[in-house]
């Protein structure tokens, strides 16, 4: 994958089923289990900065991650509903909705996290939709992804992010559970300008 394009990586992942063929798994287990996919979306630049040594450096790692995100979006958009039981198969969990930097006050943080848990519980069909102690031991990484990555890498990484514009997060008009609030990265538009969507 080190020498492939974002689109090439996505196509290879979809064709080969590596690392896991989700469609095969879905077809095998749907008759026996209520399958649900939780697509966890972290702010992109933080993810790349945190694991920048993987795949041979930040630029290559960004391309590999973007390719996998493109493949995942394709799979999710093609498989919205479980054909065996008719239930919704997936939702996107926007991890930036858990971060204190996404809010202006402590009360807003608590409310945002409460909404996050409620969304997850509703999607999974859990009877309890509140959890007062869920974030007592929450730890936020406070690194500066721009500083960690360096401005030289950001130009190449920005191309990968632009390729994900309109692709990730996957969209579903019938879903009203906050996906449109999920940004590729809240810092990105400030650095390189707005994306088209």
N, C-alpha and C. Protein backbone atom coordinates (compact mmCIF):
# COMPACT_ATOMS: atom_id res chain seq x y z
N UNK A 1 0.81 -1.21 0.00
CA UNK A 1 0.00 0.00 0.00
C UNK A 1 0.85 1.27 0.00
N UNK A 2 2.12 1.14 0.33
CA UNK A 2 2.98 2.32 0.45
C UNK A 2 3.07 3.13 -0.83
N UNK A 3 2.97 2.49 -1.97
CA UNK A 3 3.12 3.20 -3.24
C UNK A 3 1.79 3.39 -3.97
N UNK A 4 0.68 3.06 -3.32
CA UNK A 4 -0.62 3.14 -3.98
C UNK A 4 -1.31 4.47 -3.67
N UNK A 5 -2.24 4.83 -4.54
CA UNK A 5 -3.07 6.01 -4.31
C UNK A 5 -4.17 5.68 -3.30
N UNK A 6 -4.82 6.71 -2.79
CA UNK A 6 -5.95 6.51 -1.88
C UNK A 6 -7.00 5.65 -2.55
N UNK A 7 -7.34 5.98 -3.78
CA UNK A 7 -8.37 5.23 -4.52
C UNK A 7 -7.92 3.79 -4.78
N UNK A 8 -6.64 3.59 -5.07
CA UNK A 8 -6.10 2.26 -5.29
C UNK A 8 -6.17 1.39 -4.04
N UNK A 9 -5.86 2.00 -2.90
CA UNK A 9 -5.94 1.27 -1.64
C UNK A 9 -7.38 0.87 -1.36
N UNK A 10 -8.31 1.81 -1.56
CA UNK A 10 -9.73 1.51 -1.33
C UNK A 10 -10.19 0.36 -2.22
N UNK A 11 -9.83 0.41 -3.49
CA UNK A 11 -10.24 -0.64 -4.43
C UNK A 11 -9.64 -1.99 -4.02
N UNK A 12 -8.38 -1.99 -3.60
CA UNK A 12 -7.73 -3.24 -3.21
C UNK A 12 -8.36 -3.82 -1.94
N UNK A 13 -8.68 -2.96 -0.98
CA UNK A 13 -9.32 -3.42 0.26
C UNK A 13 -10.68 -4.03 -0.07
N UNK A 14 -11.46 -3.37 -0.92
CA UNK A 14 -12.78 -3.88 -1.28
C UNK A 14 -12.70 -5.19 -2.05
N UNK A 15 -11.73 -5.29 -2.96
CA UNK A 15 -11.60 -6.48 -3.79
C UNK A 15 -11.04 -7.67 -3.01
N UNK A 16 -10.04 -7.42 -2.18
CA UNK A 16 -9.37 -8.52 -1.49
C UNK A 16 -10.05 -8.93 -0.18
N UNK A 17 -10.82 -7.98 0.39
CA UNK A 17 -11.43 -8.27 1.68
C UNK A 17 -10.45 -8.21 2.83
N UNK A 18 -9.30 -7.63 2.60
CA UNK A 18 -8.30 -7.49 3.68
C UNK A 18 -8.54 -6.20 4.41
N UNK A 19 -8.39 -6.10 5.69
CA UNK A 19 -8.01 -7.19 6.58
C UNK A 19 -9.17 -8.12 6.93
N UNK A 20 -10.41 -7.68 6.75
CA UNK A 20 -11.59 -8.52 7.02
C UNK A 20 -12.63 -8.27 5.95
N UNK A 21 -13.21 -9.33 5.43
CA UNK A 21 -14.27 -9.17 4.45
C UNK A 21 -15.59 -8.99 5.20
N UNK A 22 -15.97 -7.73 5.35
CA UNK A 22 -17.17 -7.41 6.14
C UNK A 22 -18.45 -7.95 5.51
N UNK A 23 -18.51 -7.95 4.19
CA UNK A 23 -19.71 -8.45 3.51
C UNK A 23 -19.88 -9.95 3.76
N UNK A 24 -18.80 -10.71 3.68
CA UNK A 24 -18.87 -12.15 3.96
C UNK A 24 -19.27 -12.38 5.41
N UNK A 25 -18.67 -11.61 6.32
CA UNK A 25 -19.02 -11.74 7.73
C UNK A 25 -20.50 -11.45 7.95
N UNK A 26 -20.98 -10.39 7.31
CA UNK A 26 -22.38 -10.00 7.45
C UNK A 26 -23.30 -11.11 6.95
N UNK A 27 -23.01 -11.66 5.79
CA UNK A 27 -23.85 -12.72 5.23
C UNK A 27 -23.82 -14.00 6.06
N UNK A 28 -22.66 -14.31 6.63
CA UNK A 28 -22.55 -15.52 7.45
C UNK A 28 -23.27 -15.41 8.78
N UNK A 29 -23.18 -14.26 9.44
CA UNK A 29 -23.67 -14.14 10.81
C UNK A 29 -25.06 -13.51 10.94
N UNK A 30 -25.54 -12.82 9.94
CA UNK A 30 -26.86 -12.16 10.05
C UNK A 30 -27.99 -13.11 10.42
N UNK A 31 -28.02 -14.32 9.89
CA UNK A 31 -29.11 -15.22 10.29
C UNK A 31 -29.07 -15.62 11.77
N UNK A 32 -27.93 -15.45 12.41
CA UNK A 32 -27.75 -15.94 13.78
C UNK A 32 -27.56 -14.84 14.82
N UNK A 33 -27.28 -13.61 14.36
CA UNK A 33 -26.99 -12.54 15.31
C UNK A 33 -27.47 -11.21 14.74
N UNK A 34 -27.76 -10.29 15.62
CA UNK A 34 -28.13 -8.93 15.22
C UNK A 34 -26.84 -8.15 15.01
N UNK A 35 -26.40 -8.04 13.77
CA UNK A 35 -25.14 -7.39 13.44
C UNK A 35 -25.31 -5.88 13.46
N UNK A 36 -24.35 -5.19 14.08
CA UNK A 36 -24.31 -3.73 14.10
C UNK A 36 -22.87 -3.30 13.89
N UNK A 37 -22.67 -2.29 13.06
CA UNK A 37 -21.36 -1.72 12.84
C UNK A 37 -21.31 -0.33 13.44
N UNK A 38 -20.30 -0.09 14.26
CA UNK A 38 -20.07 1.22 14.83
C UNK A 38 -18.81 1.78 14.17
N UNK A 39 -18.98 2.78 13.34
CA UNK A 39 -17.85 3.42 12.69
C UNK A 39 -17.38 4.56 13.59
N UNK A 40 -16.27 4.33 14.27
CA UNK A 40 -15.71 5.35 15.15
C UNK A 40 -14.88 6.33 14.33
N UNK A 41 -15.27 7.58 14.38
CA UNK A 41 -14.53 8.58 13.62
C UNK A 41 -13.83 9.54 14.56
N UNK A 42 -12.51 9.49 14.55
CA UNK A 42 -11.69 10.43 15.32
C UNK A 42 -11.29 11.58 14.41
N UNK A 43 -10.97 12.74 14.98
CA UNK A 43 -10.43 13.82 14.15
C UNK A 43 -9.21 13.30 13.36
N UNK A 44 -9.23 13.50 12.07
CA UNK A 44 -8.28 12.90 11.15
C UNK A 44 -6.82 13.24 11.48
N UNK A 45 -6.53 14.52 11.66
CA UNK A 45 -5.14 14.92 11.89
C UNK A 45 -4.60 14.33 13.20
N UNK A 46 -5.43 14.26 14.23
CA UNK A 46 -4.99 13.63 15.48
C UNK A 46 -4.66 12.16 15.26
N UNK A 47 -5.48 11.48 14.49
CA UNK A 47 -5.26 10.06 14.22
C UNK A 47 -3.94 9.86 13.48
N UNK A 48 -3.71 10.65 12.45
CA UNK A 48 -2.47 10.51 11.68
C UNK A 48 -1.26 10.87 12.54
N UNK A 49 -1.35 11.95 13.31
CA UNK A 49 -0.22 12.37 14.15
C UNK A 49 0.09 11.32 15.21
N UNK A 50 -0.94 10.74 15.78
CA UNK A 50 -0.75 9.78 16.87
C UNK A 50 -0.04 8.52 16.39
N UNK A 51 -0.27 8.13 15.16
CA UNK A 51 0.32 6.91 14.62
C UNK A 51 1.18 7.19 13.39
N UNK A 52 1.90 8.30 13.41
CA UNK A 52 2.63 8.74 12.21
C UNK A 52 3.80 7.83 11.84
N UNK A 53 4.26 6.98 12.76
CA UNK A 53 5.37 6.08 12.41
C UNK A 53 4.88 4.81 11.70
N UNK A 54 3.56 4.58 11.74
CA UNK A 54 2.99 3.41 11.08
C UNK A 54 3.05 3.62 9.56
N UNK A 55 3.27 2.58 8.82
CA UNK A 55 3.27 2.60 7.35
C UNK A 55 4.44 3.38 6.76
N UNK A 56 5.41 3.75 7.55
CA UNK A 56 6.58 4.43 7.00
C UNK A 56 6.52 5.94 7.05
N UNK A 57 5.66 6.49 7.84
CA UNK A 57 5.61 7.94 8.00
C UNK A 57 4.21 8.50 7.84
N UNK A 58 4.05 9.75 8.24
CA UNK A 58 2.74 10.38 8.30
C UNK A 58 2.05 10.48 6.94
N UNK A 59 2.77 10.80 5.90
CA UNK A 59 2.14 10.99 4.58
C UNK A 59 1.61 9.66 4.05
N UNK A 60 2.40 8.61 4.15
CA UNK A 60 1.96 7.29 3.68
C UNK A 60 0.84 6.78 4.58
N UNK A 61 0.98 6.97 5.89
CA UNK A 61 -0.06 6.52 6.81
C UNK A 61 -1.38 7.22 6.51
N UNK A 62 -1.33 8.50 6.20
CA UNK A 62 -2.54 9.24 5.85
C UNK A 62 -3.20 8.63 4.61
N UNK A 63 -2.41 8.30 3.63
CA UNK A 63 -2.95 7.72 2.39
C UNK A 63 -3.60 6.36 2.68
N UNK A 64 -2.96 5.54 3.52
CA UNK A 64 -3.51 4.22 3.86
C UNK A 64 -4.81 4.38 4.65
N UNK A 65 -4.82 5.27 5.63
CA UNK A 65 -6.03 5.50 6.42
C UNK A 65 -7.16 6.02 5.53
N UNK A 66 -6.86 6.99 4.68
CA UNK A 66 -7.88 7.54 3.78
C UNK A 66 -8.44 6.47 2.85
N UNK A 67 -7.57 5.59 2.35
CA UNK A 67 -8.03 4.49 1.49
C UNK A 67 -8.97 3.55 2.23
N UNK A 68 -8.65 3.23 3.47
CA UNK A 68 -9.52 2.37 4.27
C UNK A 68 -10.84 3.07 4.61
N UNK A 69 -10.79 4.37 4.87
CA UNK A 69 -12.02 5.11 5.14
C UNK A 69 -12.92 5.13 3.90
N UNK A 70 -12.31 5.27 2.72
CA UNK A 70 -13.07 5.27 1.47
C UNK A 70 -13.72 3.90 1.26
N UNK A 71 -12.97 2.83 1.53
CA UNK A 71 -13.52 1.48 1.39
C UNK A 71 -14.65 1.24 2.40
N UNK A 72 -14.45 1.70 3.63
CA UNK A 72 -15.48 1.53 4.66
C UNK A 72 -16.74 2.29 4.28
N UNK A 73 -16.59 3.52 3.79
CA UNK A 73 -17.76 4.30 3.37
C UNK A 73 -18.52 3.58 2.26
N UNK A 74 -17.80 3.00 1.32
CA UNK A 74 -18.45 2.25 0.24
C UNK A 74 -19.24 1.08 0.81
N UNK A 75 -18.62 0.31 1.70
CA UNK A 75 -19.31 -0.83 2.30
C UNK A 75 -20.56 -0.37 3.06
N UNK A 76 -20.43 0.65 3.90
CA UNK A 76 -21.55 1.11 4.70
C UNK A 76 -22.69 1.65 3.83
N UNK A 77 -22.34 2.41 2.80
CA UNK A 77 -23.37 2.97 1.92
C UNK A 77 -24.10 1.90 1.12
N UNK A 78 -23.43 0.78 0.87
CA UNK A 78 -24.06 -0.32 0.14
C UNK A 78 -24.86 -1.25 1.06
N UNK A 79 -24.66 -1.11 2.36
CA UNK A 79 -25.27 -2.03 3.33
C UNK A 79 -25.86 -1.24 4.50
N UNK A 80 -26.91 -0.51 4.24
CA UNK A 80 -27.52 0.35 5.26
C UNK A 80 -28.42 -0.47 6.18
N UNK A 81 -29.12 -1.44 5.62
CA UNK A 81 -30.10 -2.22 6.37
C UNK A 81 -29.74 -3.70 6.28
N UNK A 82 -29.88 -4.41 7.39
CA UNK A 82 -29.66 -5.85 7.43
C UNK A 82 -30.80 -6.51 6.65
N UNK A 83 -30.47 -7.17 5.56
CA UNK A 83 -31.51 -7.78 4.71
C UNK A 83 -32.19 -8.96 5.40
N UNK A 84 -31.58 -9.50 6.44
CA UNK A 84 -32.18 -10.63 7.14
C UNK A 84 -33.28 -10.18 8.10
N UNK A 85 -33.02 -9.11 8.88
CA UNK A 85 -34.02 -8.70 9.88
C UNK A 85 -34.55 -7.28 9.69
N UNK A 86 -34.04 -6.56 8.71
CA UNK A 86 -34.55 -5.22 8.40
C UNK A 86 -34.08 -4.11 9.31
N UNK A 87 -33.18 -4.40 10.24
CA UNK A 87 -32.70 -3.36 11.15
C UNK A 87 -31.53 -2.59 10.51
N UNK A 88 -31.35 -1.40 11.02
CA UNK A 88 -30.24 -0.56 10.55
C UNK A 88 -28.92 -1.22 10.95
N UNK A 89 -27.96 -1.25 10.01
CA UNK A 89 -26.70 -1.94 10.24
C UNK A 89 -25.63 -1.09 10.90
N UNK A 90 -25.61 0.20 10.66
CA UNK A 90 -24.47 0.99 11.11
C UNK A 90 -24.85 2.39 11.54
N UNK A 91 -23.93 2.96 12.29
CA UNK A 91 -23.98 4.37 12.62
C UNK A 91 -22.55 4.87 12.75
N UNK A 92 -22.37 6.14 12.60
CA UNK A 92 -21.06 6.77 12.78
C UNK A 92 -21.05 7.42 14.15
N UNK A 93 -20.01 7.14 14.91
CA UNK A 93 -19.83 7.78 16.21
C UNK A 93 -18.72 8.82 16.07
N UNK A 94 -19.10 10.06 16.17
CA UNK A 94 -18.16 11.18 16.00
C UNK A 94 -17.44 11.43 17.31
N UNK A 95 -16.21 11.00 17.39
CA UNK A 95 -15.48 11.09 18.64
C UNK A 95 -15.20 12.54 19.05
N UNK A 96 -15.22 13.46 18.10
CA UNK A 96 -15.01 14.87 18.47
C UNK A 96 -16.15 15.37 19.36
N UNK A 97 -17.29 14.68 19.32
CA UNK A 97 -18.41 15.07 20.20
C UNK A 97 -18.16 14.71 21.66
N UNK A 98 -17.08 13.99 21.93
CA UNK A 98 -16.70 13.67 23.30
C UNK A 98 -15.62 14.62 23.84
N UNK A 99 -14.97 15.33 22.96
CA UNK A 99 -13.83 16.16 23.35
C UNK A 99 -14.27 17.48 23.95
N UNK A 100 -13.62 17.86 25.02
CA UNK A 100 -13.95 19.12 25.68
C UNK A 100 -13.71 20.32 24.78
N UNK A 101 -12.76 20.21 23.85
CA UNK A 101 -12.46 21.32 22.94
C UNK A 101 -13.59 21.60 21.96
N UNK A 102 -14.56 20.71 21.88
CA UNK A 102 -15.70 20.91 20.98
C UNK A 102 -16.81 21.73 21.61
N UNK A 103 -16.64 22.12 22.86
CA UNK A 103 -17.71 22.80 23.59
C UNK A 103 -17.20 24.07 24.28
N UNK A 104 -18.14 24.94 24.60
CA UNK A 104 -17.81 26.22 25.21
C UNK A 104 -17.89 26.21 26.74
N UNK A 105 -18.56 25.23 27.32
CA UNK A 105 -18.73 25.21 28.77
C UNK A 105 -18.77 23.77 29.28
N UNK A 106 -18.57 23.63 30.59
CA UNK A 106 -18.63 22.31 31.20
C UNK A 106 -20.01 21.69 31.03
N UNK A 107 -21.05 22.49 31.18
CA UNK A 107 -22.42 21.98 31.01
C UNK A 107 -22.64 21.49 29.58
N UNK A 108 -22.08 22.20 28.62
CA UNK A 108 -22.21 21.79 27.22
C UNK A 108 -21.46 20.48 26.97
N UNK A 109 -20.31 20.31 27.60
CA UNK A 109 -19.56 19.05 27.49
C UNK A 109 -20.41 17.90 28.02
N UNK A 110 -20.97 18.08 29.21
CA UNK A 110 -21.80 17.03 29.81
C UNK A 110 -23.00 16.70 28.93
N UNK A 111 -23.64 17.72 28.37
CA UNK A 111 -24.81 17.50 27.51
C UNK A 111 -24.42 16.79 26.22
N UNK A 112 -23.29 17.19 25.63
CA UNK A 112 -22.81 16.54 24.40
C UNK A 112 -22.49 15.07 24.61
N UNK A 113 -21.84 14.78 25.72
CA UNK A 113 -21.50 13.39 26.04
C UNK A 113 -22.75 12.58 26.36
N UNK A 114 -23.70 13.21 27.02
CA UNK A 114 -24.97 12.55 27.32
C UNK A 114 -25.70 12.20 26.01
N UNK A 115 -25.72 13.13 25.06
CA UNK A 115 -26.34 12.88 23.76
C UNK A 115 -25.63 11.75 23.01
N UNK A 116 -24.30 11.71 23.13
CA UNK A 116 -23.50 10.67 22.48
C UNK A 116 -23.91 9.29 23.01
N UNK A 117 -23.98 9.16 24.33
CA UNK A 117 -24.36 7.88 24.95
C UNK A 117 -25.80 7.52 24.57
N UNK A 118 -26.67 8.51 24.56
CA UNK A 118 -28.08 8.26 24.19
C UNK A 118 -28.18 7.77 22.75
N UNK A 119 -27.41 8.38 21.85
CA UNK A 119 -27.39 7.96 20.45
C UNK A 119 -26.92 6.51 20.34
N UNK A 120 -25.84 6.18 21.03
CA UNK A 120 -25.30 4.83 20.98
C UNK A 120 -26.30 3.82 21.56
N UNK A 121 -26.87 4.14 22.70
CA UNK A 121 -27.85 3.24 23.33
C UNK A 121 -29.07 3.04 22.45
N UNK A 122 -29.56 4.12 21.85
CA UNK A 122 -30.72 4.02 20.95
C UNK A 122 -30.41 3.12 19.77
N UNK A 123 -29.25 3.32 19.15
CA UNK A 123 -28.87 2.52 17.99
C UNK A 123 -28.74 1.04 18.34
N UNK A 124 -28.15 0.75 19.48
CA UNK A 124 -27.94 -0.64 19.88
C UNK A 124 -29.15 -1.28 20.56
N UNK A 125 -30.18 -0.46 20.81
CA UNK A 125 -31.39 -0.99 21.44
C UNK A 125 -31.23 -1.28 22.91
N UNK A 126 -30.31 -0.57 23.56
CA UNK A 126 -30.12 -0.76 24.99
C UNK A 126 -31.26 -0.12 25.76
N UNK A 127 -31.71 -0.73 26.83
CA UNK A 127 -32.82 -0.17 27.60
C UNK A 127 -32.42 1.06 28.43
N UNK A 128 -31.15 1.16 28.80
CA UNK A 128 -30.67 2.31 29.58
C UNK A 128 -29.94 3.26 28.63
N UNK A 129 -30.36 4.52 28.63
CA UNK A 129 -29.78 5.49 27.69
C UNK A 129 -28.95 6.56 28.39
N UNK A 130 -28.71 6.41 29.68
CA UNK A 130 -27.89 7.37 30.40
C UNK A 130 -26.82 6.65 31.19
N UNK A 131 -25.70 7.33 31.39
CA UNK A 131 -24.59 6.74 32.13
C UNK A 131 -23.83 7.88 32.81
N UNK A 132 -24.13 8.10 34.07
CA UNK A 132 -23.52 9.21 34.80
C UNK A 132 -22.03 9.02 35.06
N UNK A 133 -21.55 7.80 35.05
CA UNK A 133 -20.15 7.53 35.38
C UNK A 133 -19.29 7.16 34.17
N UNK A 134 -19.84 7.18 32.98
CA UNK A 134 -19.11 6.72 31.79
C UNK A 134 -17.84 7.51 31.50
N UNK A 135 -17.80 8.78 31.87
CA UNK A 135 -16.65 9.61 31.51
C UNK A 135 -15.83 10.05 32.72
N UNK A 136 -16.01 9.37 33.85
CA UNK A 136 -15.25 9.73 35.06
C UNK A 136 -13.74 9.57 34.85
N UNK A 137 -13.35 8.57 34.08
CA UNK A 137 -11.92 8.31 33.86
C UNK A 137 -11.50 8.60 32.42
N UNK A 138 -12.27 9.45 31.75
CA UNK A 138 -11.98 9.82 30.36
C UNK A 138 -10.69 10.62 30.31
N UNK A 139 -9.84 10.28 29.36
CA UNK A 139 -8.56 10.97 29.19
C UNK A 139 -8.47 11.48 27.75
N UNK A 140 -8.27 12.75 27.60
CA UNK A 140 -8.14 13.34 26.26
C UNK A 140 -6.67 13.54 25.93
N UNK A 141 -6.30 13.17 24.72
CA UNK A 141 -4.95 13.43 24.24
C UNK A 141 -4.88 14.91 23.88
N UNK A 142 -3.87 15.57 24.37
CA UNK A 142 -3.77 17.02 24.17
C UNK A 142 -2.61 17.39 23.24
N UNK A 143 -2.30 16.52 22.30
CA UNK A 143 -1.20 16.86 21.40
C UNK A 143 -1.68 17.84 20.32
N UNK A 144 -0.77 18.57 19.77
CA UNK A 144 -1.06 19.49 18.67
C UNK A 144 -0.70 18.77 17.37
N UNK A 145 -1.72 18.31 16.62
CA UNK A 145 -1.40 17.51 15.43
C UNK A 145 -0.61 18.28 14.38
N UNK A 146 -0.83 19.58 14.28
CA UNK A 146 -0.11 20.38 13.29
C UNK A 146 1.37 20.41 13.65
N UNK A 147 1.66 20.62 14.91
CA UNK A 147 3.05 20.64 15.37
C UNK A 147 3.69 19.26 15.21
N UNK A 148 2.94 18.21 15.57
CA UNK A 148 3.47 16.84 15.48
C UNK A 148 3.75 16.44 14.03
N UNK A 149 2.86 16.82 13.13
CA UNK A 149 3.00 16.41 11.73
C UNK A 149 3.97 17.30 10.96
N UNK A 150 3.98 18.56 11.29
CA UNK A 150 4.82 19.51 10.56
C UNK A 150 4.09 20.03 9.32
N UNK A 151 4.32 21.30 9.04
CA UNK A 151 3.63 21.94 7.92
C UNK A 151 3.97 21.29 6.58
N UNK A 152 5.19 20.74 6.45
CA UNK A 152 5.57 20.09 5.18
C UNK A 152 4.67 18.89 4.88
N UNK A 153 4.33 18.12 5.90
CA UNK A 153 3.47 16.95 5.69
C UNK A 153 2.01 17.33 5.48
N UNK A 154 1.59 18.47 6.03
CA UNK A 154 0.17 18.84 5.96
C UNK A 154 -0.32 19.04 4.53
N UNK A 155 0.52 19.52 3.65
CA UNK A 155 0.08 19.72 2.26
C UNK A 155 -0.29 18.39 1.61
N UNK A 156 0.57 17.38 1.78
CA UNK A 156 0.28 16.06 1.20
C UNK A 156 -0.93 15.43 1.89
N UNK A 157 -1.02 15.56 3.21
CA UNK A 157 -2.14 15.00 3.95
C UNK A 157 -3.44 15.68 3.56
N UNK A 158 -3.38 16.98 3.28
CA UNK A 158 -4.59 17.71 2.89
C UNK A 158 -5.19 17.16 1.60
N UNK A 159 -4.37 16.63 0.71
CA UNK A 159 -4.88 16.02 -0.51
C UNK A 159 -5.71 14.78 -0.19
N UNK A 160 -5.25 14.00 0.78
CA UNK A 160 -6.01 12.81 1.18
C UNK A 160 -7.35 13.21 1.79
N UNK A 161 -7.32 14.24 2.63
CA UNK A 161 -8.56 14.71 3.27
C UNK A 161 -9.53 15.21 2.21
N UNK A 162 -9.04 15.92 1.23
CA UNK A 162 -9.93 16.42 0.16
C UNK A 162 -10.56 15.27 -0.62
N UNK A 163 -9.86 14.16 -0.77
CA UNK A 163 -10.42 13.00 -1.46
C UNK A 163 -11.55 12.36 -0.65
N UNK A 164 -11.54 12.57 0.65
CA UNK A 164 -12.60 12.03 1.52
C UNK A 164 -13.81 12.95 1.59
N UNK A 165 -13.67 14.18 1.12
CA UNK A 165 -14.77 15.15 1.17
C UNK A 165 -15.96 14.62 0.37
N UNK A 166 -17.10 14.52 1.02
CA UNK A 166 -18.30 13.99 0.38
C UNK A 166 -18.39 12.47 0.42
N UNK A 167 -17.31 11.81 0.85
CA UNK A 167 -17.27 10.35 0.95
C UNK A 167 -17.39 9.93 2.41
N UNK A 168 -16.64 10.58 3.27
CA UNK A 168 -16.63 10.28 4.69
C UNK A 168 -17.02 11.52 5.47
N UNK A 169 -17.87 11.43 6.47
CA UNK A 169 -18.55 10.23 6.91
C UNK A 169 -19.64 9.82 5.92
N UNK A 170 -19.95 8.52 5.87
CA UNK A 170 -21.05 8.09 5.00
C UNK A 170 -22.34 8.77 5.43
N UNK A 171 -23.18 9.07 4.47
CA UNK A 171 -24.41 9.80 4.77
C UNK A 171 -25.63 8.92 4.47
N UNK A 172 -26.66 9.15 5.23
CA UNK A 172 -27.93 8.48 5.00
C UNK A 172 -29.03 9.46 5.36
N UNK A 173 -29.83 9.84 4.39
CA UNK A 173 -30.86 10.85 4.61
C UNK A 173 -31.87 10.42 5.68
N UNK A 174 -32.07 9.12 5.84
CA UNK A 174 -33.06 8.64 6.81
C UNK A 174 -32.53 8.69 8.24
N UNK A 175 -31.24 8.90 8.37
CA UNK A 175 -30.65 8.86 9.70
C UNK A 175 -30.58 10.26 10.29
N UNK A 176 -31.10 10.45 11.47
CA UNK A 176 -31.08 11.76 12.11
C UNK A 176 -30.37 11.67 13.45
N UNK A 177 -29.22 11.00 13.43
CA UNK A 177 -28.52 10.76 14.69
C UNK A 177 -27.18 11.50 14.76
N UNK A 178 -27.07 12.63 14.11
CA UNK A 178 -25.91 13.47 14.30
C UNK A 178 -24.74 13.24 13.37
N UNK A 179 -24.88 12.45 12.32
CA UNK A 179 -23.75 12.20 11.43
C UNK A 179 -23.25 13.48 10.77
N UNK A 180 -24.16 14.36 10.41
CA UNK A 180 -23.74 15.58 9.73
C UNK A 180 -22.88 16.48 10.61
N UNK A 181 -22.87 16.25 11.91
CA UNK A 181 -22.03 17.02 12.80
C UNK A 181 -20.61 16.46 12.85
N UNK A 182 -20.39 15.32 12.26
CA UNK A 182 -19.09 14.67 12.29
C UNK A 182 -18.21 15.27 11.19
N UNK A 183 -17.14 15.90 11.61
CA UNK A 183 -16.22 16.53 10.67
C UNK A 183 -15.02 15.62 10.43
N UNK A 184 -14.44 15.71 9.23
CA UNK A 184 -13.20 14.97 8.98
C UNK A 184 -12.20 15.37 10.06
N UNK A 185 -12.06 16.67 10.26
CA UNK A 185 -11.20 17.19 11.32
C UNK A 185 -11.58 18.64 11.57
N UNK A 186 -11.87 19.01 12.82
CA UNK A 186 -12.28 20.38 13.09
C UNK A 186 -11.19 21.41 12.83
N UNK A 187 -9.92 21.01 12.87
CA UNK A 187 -8.81 21.93 12.65
C UNK A 187 -8.55 22.13 11.16
N UNK A 188 -8.85 21.15 10.35
CA UNK A 188 -8.47 21.15 8.94
C UNK A 188 -8.94 22.38 8.17
N UNK A 189 -10.22 22.77 8.23
CA UNK A 189 -10.65 23.94 7.45
C UNK A 189 -9.92 25.23 7.84
N UNK A 190 -9.50 25.34 9.07
CA UNK A 190 -8.77 26.52 9.51
C UNK A 190 -7.39 26.56 8.85
N UNK A 191 -6.78 25.40 8.65
CA UNK A 191 -5.44 25.33 8.10
C UNK A 191 -5.39 25.52 6.59
N UNK A 192 -6.28 24.85 5.89
CA UNK A 192 -6.16 24.81 4.42
C UNK A 192 -7.40 25.33 3.68
N UNK A 193 -8.38 25.80 4.41
CA UNK A 193 -9.59 26.30 3.78
C UNK A 193 -10.71 25.29 3.86
N UNK A 194 -11.93 25.72 3.60
CA UNK A 194 -13.10 24.85 3.75
C UNK A 194 -13.14 23.77 2.68
N UNK A 195 -13.73 22.64 3.08
CA UNK A 195 -14.02 21.58 2.12
C UNK A 195 -15.30 21.93 1.42
N UNK A 196 -15.66 21.22 0.37
CA UNK A 196 -16.83 21.59 -0.42
C UNK A 196 -18.14 21.30 0.28
N UNK A 197 -18.20 20.25 1.15
CA UNK A 197 -19.48 19.89 1.77
C UNK A 197 -19.72 20.63 3.04
